[in-house]
N, C-alpha and C. Protein backbone atom coordinates (compact mmCIF):
# COMPACT_ATOMS: atom_id res chain seq x y z
N MET A 1 0.84 -1.17 0.00
CA MET A 1 0.00 0.00 0.00
C MET A 1 0.89 1.24 0.00
N GLU A 2 0.52 2.18 -0.83
CA GLU A 2 1.30 3.41 -0.93
C GLU A 2 0.99 4.34 0.24
N LYS A 3 1.95 5.23 0.52
CA LYS A 3 1.72 6.24 1.55
C LYS A 3 0.56 7.13 1.15
N ASN A 4 -0.19 7.59 2.12
CA ASN A 4 -1.32 8.49 1.93
C ASN A 4 -2.50 7.86 1.17
N GLN A 5 -2.47 6.56 1.00
CA GLN A 5 -3.60 5.90 0.33
C GLN A 5 -4.68 5.63 1.37
N LYS A 6 -5.89 6.00 1.06
CA LYS A 6 -7.00 5.81 2.00
C LYS A 6 -7.49 4.37 1.94
N VAL A 7 -7.83 3.86 3.09
CA VAL A 7 -8.43 2.54 3.17
C VAL A 7 -9.91 2.76 3.44
N VAL A 8 -10.73 2.27 2.55
CA VAL A 8 -12.17 2.44 2.68
C VAL A 8 -12.76 1.13 3.16
N LYS A 9 -13.43 1.20 4.29
CA LYS A 9 -14.08 0.00 4.82
C LYS A 9 -15.50 -0.07 4.27
N HIS A 10 -15.90 -1.25 3.90
CA HIS A 10 -17.27 -1.46 3.45
C HIS A 10 -18.09 -1.85 4.66
N GLU A 11 -19.07 -1.03 5.01
CA GLU A 11 -19.91 -1.32 6.16
C GLU A 11 -21.17 -2.01 5.69
N ARG A 12 -21.47 -3.14 6.28
CA ARG A 12 -22.70 -3.87 5.95
C ARG A 12 -23.67 -3.74 7.12
N HIS A 13 -24.91 -3.61 6.80
CA HIS A 13 -25.95 -3.53 7.81
C HIS A 13 -26.74 -4.83 7.78
N HIS A 14 -26.92 -5.43 8.92
CA HIS A 14 -27.74 -6.63 9.00
C HIS A 14 -29.12 -6.20 9.47
N PRO A 15 -30.18 -6.48 8.69
CA PRO A 15 -31.51 -5.94 9.00
C PRO A 15 -32.08 -6.40 10.34
N ARG A 16 -31.65 -7.52 10.85
CA ARG A 16 -32.22 -8.00 12.12
C ARG A 16 -31.47 -7.50 13.34
N THR A 17 -30.25 -7.05 13.18
CA THR A 17 -29.47 -6.64 14.34
C THR A 17 -29.20 -5.15 14.39
N GLU A 18 -29.36 -4.47 13.30
CA GLU A 18 -29.02 -3.06 13.27
C GLU A 18 -29.96 -2.33 12.33
N LYS A 19 -30.55 -1.26 12.80
CA LYS A 19 -31.46 -0.48 11.95
C LYS A 19 -30.64 0.47 11.09
N LYS A 20 -30.99 0.50 9.82
CA LYS A 20 -30.32 1.41 8.89
C LYS A 20 -30.85 2.83 9.12
N PRO A 21 -30.10 3.83 8.68
CA PRO A 21 -30.64 5.19 8.72
C PRO A 21 -31.93 5.27 7.90
N ASP A 22 -32.82 6.19 8.26
CA ASP A 22 -34.13 6.29 7.59
C ASP A 22 -34.03 6.45 6.08
N THR A 23 -32.97 7.05 5.60
CA THR A 23 -32.84 7.26 4.17
C THR A 23 -32.48 5.97 3.44
N GLU A 24 -32.09 4.93 4.17
CA GLU A 24 -31.67 3.69 3.53
C GLU A 24 -32.57 2.51 3.89
N LEU A 25 -33.80 2.75 4.31
CA LEU A 25 -34.67 1.65 4.71
C LEU A 25 -35.00 0.75 3.52
N PHE A 26 -35.05 -0.52 3.79
CA PHE A 26 -35.48 -1.51 2.82
C PHE A 26 -36.94 -1.22 2.49
N TRP A 27 -37.36 -1.40 1.26
CA TRP A 27 -38.72 -1.04 0.85
C TRP A 27 -39.77 -1.71 1.72
N ALA A 28 -39.53 -2.95 2.15
CA ALA A 28 -40.51 -3.65 2.99
C ALA A 28 -40.62 -3.00 4.36
N ASP A 29 -39.51 -2.48 4.88
CA ASP A 29 -39.55 -1.79 6.16
C ASP A 29 -40.34 -0.49 6.05
N GLN A 30 -40.21 0.20 4.93
CA GLN A 30 -40.98 1.42 4.72
C GLN A 30 -42.48 1.10 4.68
N LEU A 31 -42.84 0.05 3.93
CA LEU A 31 -44.25 -0.34 3.86
C LEU A 31 -44.76 -0.83 5.21
N ALA A 32 -43.93 -1.57 5.94
CA ALA A 32 -44.31 -2.07 7.27
C ALA A 32 -44.63 -0.90 8.20
N ASP A 33 -43.81 0.14 8.16
CA ASP A 33 -44.06 1.31 8.99
C ASP A 33 -45.40 1.96 8.65
N GLU A 34 -45.71 2.04 7.37
CA GLU A 34 -46.99 2.63 6.94
C GLU A 34 -48.17 1.77 7.37
N VAL A 35 -48.04 0.45 7.23
CA VAL A 35 -49.12 -0.46 7.60
C VAL A 35 -49.36 -0.42 9.11
N ILE A 36 -48.28 -0.41 9.89
CA ILE A 36 -48.41 -0.35 11.34
C ILE A 36 -49.10 0.95 11.77
N LYS A 37 -48.72 2.05 11.15
CA LYS A 37 -49.34 3.34 11.46
C LYS A 37 -50.85 3.29 11.19
N LEU A 38 -51.22 2.72 10.06
CA LEU A 38 -52.64 2.61 9.70
C LEU A 38 -53.37 1.65 10.64
N ALA A 39 -52.75 0.53 10.98
CA ALA A 39 -53.38 -0.44 11.89
C ALA A 39 -53.58 0.17 13.28
N LYS A 40 -52.62 0.94 13.74
CA LYS A 40 -52.76 1.60 15.05
C LYS A 40 -53.91 2.61 15.01
N LYS A 41 -54.04 3.32 13.89
CA LYS A 41 -55.11 4.30 13.74
C LYS A 41 -56.48 3.62 13.86
N HIS A 42 -56.58 2.40 13.32
CA HIS A 42 -57.86 1.67 13.35
C HIS A 42 -57.93 0.66 14.49
N ASN A 43 -56.91 0.67 15.35
CA ASN A 43 -56.87 -0.20 16.52
C ASN A 43 -57.09 -1.67 16.14
N CYS A 44 -56.28 -2.16 15.21
CA CYS A 44 -56.39 -3.55 14.76
C CYS A 44 -55.01 -4.10 14.40
N ALA A 45 -54.96 -5.39 14.16
CA ALA A 45 -53.73 -6.03 13.70
C ALA A 45 -53.50 -5.66 12.24
N ALA A 46 -52.28 -5.81 11.80
CA ALA A 46 -51.94 -5.56 10.40
C ALA A 46 -52.29 -6.79 9.58
N ASN A 47 -52.97 -6.60 8.47
CA ASN A 47 -53.31 -7.69 7.57
C ASN A 47 -52.57 -7.50 6.25
N CYS A 48 -51.82 -8.52 5.86
CA CYS A 48 -51.08 -8.48 4.60
C CYS A 48 -51.62 -9.61 3.73
N ALA A 49 -52.16 -9.27 2.58
CA ALA A 49 -52.78 -10.28 1.73
C ALA A 49 -52.15 -10.27 0.34
N GLY A 50 -51.98 -11.44 -0.20
CA GLY A 50 -51.46 -11.59 -1.55
C GLY A 50 -51.81 -12.96 -2.06
N GLY A 51 -51.81 -13.13 -3.35
CA GLY A 51 -52.20 -14.43 -3.85
C GLY A 51 -51.88 -14.66 -5.29
N ALA A 52 -52.59 -15.60 -5.84
CA ALA A 52 -52.33 -16.05 -7.19
C ALA A 52 -53.64 -16.27 -7.94
N SER A 53 -53.53 -16.29 -9.25
CA SER A 53 -54.67 -16.56 -10.13
C SER A 53 -54.24 -17.62 -11.14
N PRO A 54 -55.11 -18.58 -11.41
CA PRO A 54 -54.74 -19.63 -12.36
C PRO A 54 -54.79 -19.17 -13.82
N SER A 55 -55.39 -18.02 -14.08
CA SER A 55 -55.56 -17.60 -15.48
C SER A 55 -54.33 -16.85 -15.97
N GLY A 56 -54.18 -16.81 -17.25
CA GLY A 56 -53.10 -16.06 -17.86
C GLY A 56 -51.79 -16.83 -17.91
N THR A 57 -50.83 -16.22 -18.59
CA THR A 57 -49.50 -16.81 -18.72
C THR A 57 -48.74 -16.67 -17.41
N LYS A 58 -48.02 -17.69 -17.01
CA LYS A 58 -47.23 -17.66 -15.78
C LYS A 58 -45.90 -16.96 -16.06
N HIS A 59 -45.48 -16.10 -15.14
CA HIS A 59 -44.22 -15.38 -15.26
C HIS A 59 -43.74 -15.01 -13.87
N ILE A 60 -42.55 -14.46 -13.76
CA ILE A 60 -41.95 -14.16 -12.46
C ILE A 60 -42.77 -13.15 -11.67
N GLY A 61 -43.51 -12.31 -12.35
CA GLY A 61 -44.38 -11.35 -11.67
C GLY A 61 -45.45 -12.01 -10.84
N ASN A 62 -45.89 -13.21 -11.23
CA ASN A 62 -46.87 -13.95 -10.43
C ASN A 62 -46.32 -14.24 -9.04
N LEU A 63 -45.05 -14.56 -8.95
CA LEU A 63 -44.43 -14.84 -7.66
C LEU A 63 -44.39 -13.57 -6.81
N PHE A 64 -44.12 -12.44 -7.43
CA PHE A 64 -44.05 -11.18 -6.70
C PHE A 64 -45.38 -10.85 -6.04
N ASP A 65 -46.50 -11.19 -6.69
CA ASP A 65 -47.82 -10.90 -6.13
C ASP A 65 -48.02 -11.57 -4.77
N ALA A 66 -47.44 -12.72 -4.57
CA ALA A 66 -47.55 -13.41 -3.29
C ALA A 66 -46.41 -13.04 -2.35
N MET A 67 -45.23 -12.81 -2.88
CA MET A 67 -44.05 -12.57 -2.03
C MET A 67 -44.00 -11.16 -1.43
N LYS A 68 -44.48 -10.16 -2.15
CA LYS A 68 -44.41 -8.79 -1.63
C LYS A 68 -45.13 -8.67 -0.29
N PRO A 69 -46.39 -9.10 -0.16
CA PRO A 69 -47.04 -8.98 1.15
C PRO A 69 -46.39 -9.88 2.21
N TRP A 70 -45.81 -11.02 1.80
CA TRP A 70 -45.14 -11.90 2.75
C TRP A 70 -43.91 -11.20 3.36
N VAL A 71 -43.13 -10.52 2.53
CA VAL A 71 -41.94 -9.82 3.02
C VAL A 71 -42.35 -8.67 3.94
N VAL A 72 -43.42 -7.95 3.61
CA VAL A 72 -43.91 -6.87 4.47
C VAL A 72 -44.42 -7.45 5.79
N TYR A 73 -45.13 -8.57 5.71
CA TYR A 73 -45.62 -9.26 6.92
C TYR A 73 -44.45 -9.60 7.85
N LYS A 74 -43.37 -10.15 7.30
CA LYS A 74 -42.21 -10.51 8.11
C LYS A 74 -41.57 -9.26 8.73
N ALA A 75 -41.55 -8.14 8.00
CA ALA A 75 -41.00 -6.89 8.54
C ALA A 75 -41.86 -6.38 9.70
N ILE A 76 -43.17 -6.54 9.59
CA ILE A 76 -44.07 -6.13 10.67
C ILE A 76 -43.86 -7.02 11.90
N LYS A 77 -43.75 -8.32 11.68
CA LYS A 77 -43.54 -9.25 12.80
C LYS A 77 -42.21 -8.98 13.50
N ARG A 78 -41.18 -8.58 12.76
CA ARG A 78 -39.89 -8.24 13.36
C ARG A 78 -40.02 -7.06 14.32
N ARG A 79 -41.04 -6.24 14.09
CA ARG A 79 -41.28 -5.09 14.97
C ARG A 79 -42.19 -5.47 16.14
N ASN A 80 -42.51 -6.75 16.26
CA ASN A 80 -43.37 -7.26 17.34
C ASN A 80 -44.76 -6.63 17.34
N PHE A 81 -45.28 -6.38 16.15
CA PHE A 81 -46.63 -5.86 16.01
C PHE A 81 -47.52 -7.00 15.53
N PRO A 82 -48.74 -7.14 16.06
CA PRO A 82 -49.61 -8.23 15.61
C PRO A 82 -49.96 -8.11 14.13
N ALA A 83 -49.81 -9.22 13.41
CA ALA A 83 -50.05 -9.20 11.97
C ALA A 83 -50.56 -10.56 11.50
N HIS A 84 -51.27 -10.53 10.39
CA HIS A 84 -51.79 -11.75 9.76
C HIS A 84 -51.38 -11.74 8.29
N PHE A 85 -50.97 -12.90 7.80
CA PHE A 85 -50.70 -13.04 6.37
C PHE A 85 -51.82 -13.87 5.77
N ILE A 86 -52.44 -13.35 4.73
CA ILE A 86 -53.56 -14.02 4.07
C ILE A 86 -53.16 -14.32 2.64
N HIS A 87 -53.11 -15.60 2.31
CA HIS A 87 -52.81 -16.00 0.94
C HIS A 87 -54.11 -16.45 0.29
N TYR A 88 -54.42 -15.91 -0.85
CA TYR A 88 -55.65 -16.29 -1.53
C TYR A 88 -55.34 -16.82 -2.93
N TYR A 89 -56.30 -17.55 -3.44
CA TYR A 89 -56.22 -18.12 -4.78
C TYR A 89 -57.47 -17.67 -5.52
N ASN A 90 -57.31 -16.75 -6.45
CA ASN A 90 -58.43 -16.14 -7.15
C ASN A 90 -58.73 -16.93 -8.42
N ASP A 91 -59.80 -17.72 -8.39
CA ASP A 91 -60.18 -18.47 -9.58
C ASP A 91 -61.50 -17.95 -10.17
N LEU A 92 -61.79 -16.68 -9.93
CA LEU A 92 -63.04 -16.10 -10.41
C LEU A 92 -62.85 -15.20 -11.63
N ASP A 93 -61.82 -15.46 -12.40
CA ASP A 93 -61.55 -14.67 -13.59
C ASP A 93 -62.66 -14.90 -14.61
N PRO A 94 -63.27 -13.83 -15.16
CA PRO A 94 -64.35 -13.98 -16.15
C PRO A 94 -63.92 -14.78 -17.38
N GLN A 95 -62.63 -14.76 -17.72
CA GLN A 95 -62.17 -15.53 -18.88
C GLN A 95 -62.27 -17.03 -18.63
N ASP A 96 -62.23 -17.42 -17.36
CA ASP A 96 -62.32 -18.83 -17.02
C ASP A 96 -63.77 -19.31 -16.96
N HIS A 97 -64.73 -18.36 -16.87
CA HIS A 97 -66.15 -18.71 -16.76
C HIS A 97 -66.94 -17.92 -17.79
N PRO A 98 -66.89 -18.29 -19.05
CA PRO A 98 -67.61 -17.54 -20.08
C PRO A 98 -69.12 -17.56 -19.86
N ASN A 99 -69.77 -16.51 -20.30
CA ASN A 99 -71.23 -16.39 -20.17
C ASN A 99 -71.89 -17.50 -21.00
N GLU A 100 -72.77 -18.24 -20.39
CA GLU A 100 -73.43 -19.36 -21.06
C GLU A 100 -74.38 -18.91 -22.16
N ASP A 101 -74.84 -17.66 -22.09
CA ASP A 101 -75.79 -17.14 -23.07
C ASP A 101 -75.11 -16.73 -24.37
N SER A 102 -73.81 -16.63 -24.39
CA SER A 102 -73.10 -16.14 -25.58
C SER A 102 -73.08 -17.16 -26.67
C-alpha cells in the first residue's frame, strides 16, 4: 500500500441486528411502517394479503404478487406488532367462466 492511500471500509448492515438510517430503509420496512401506522389508527392487527390466479400466462411477476405482502408481513412481525398473512387463490376470472348465453 502506498503512503497516503486511503483505506475504505465497506460497512454492511444486517436488518435483524441493526437499523439502517431512515434514508436507507429496505422497501418492505418502509411499507411495514406505513401499515403499522394505519393499523394503530384503526386499533387492529396488520393484515397483509397476496395471492395467485390460475388464469393467464405464468411469469416471475406472479411470484411477486404473493411474495411482496409476505416480506412486508415478516418486517411487521420483526417489529413485534400483531399481523396476519392471508394468501388467496383467485379463480373467479371472467375468462375462465364464459357467459353461457353467448
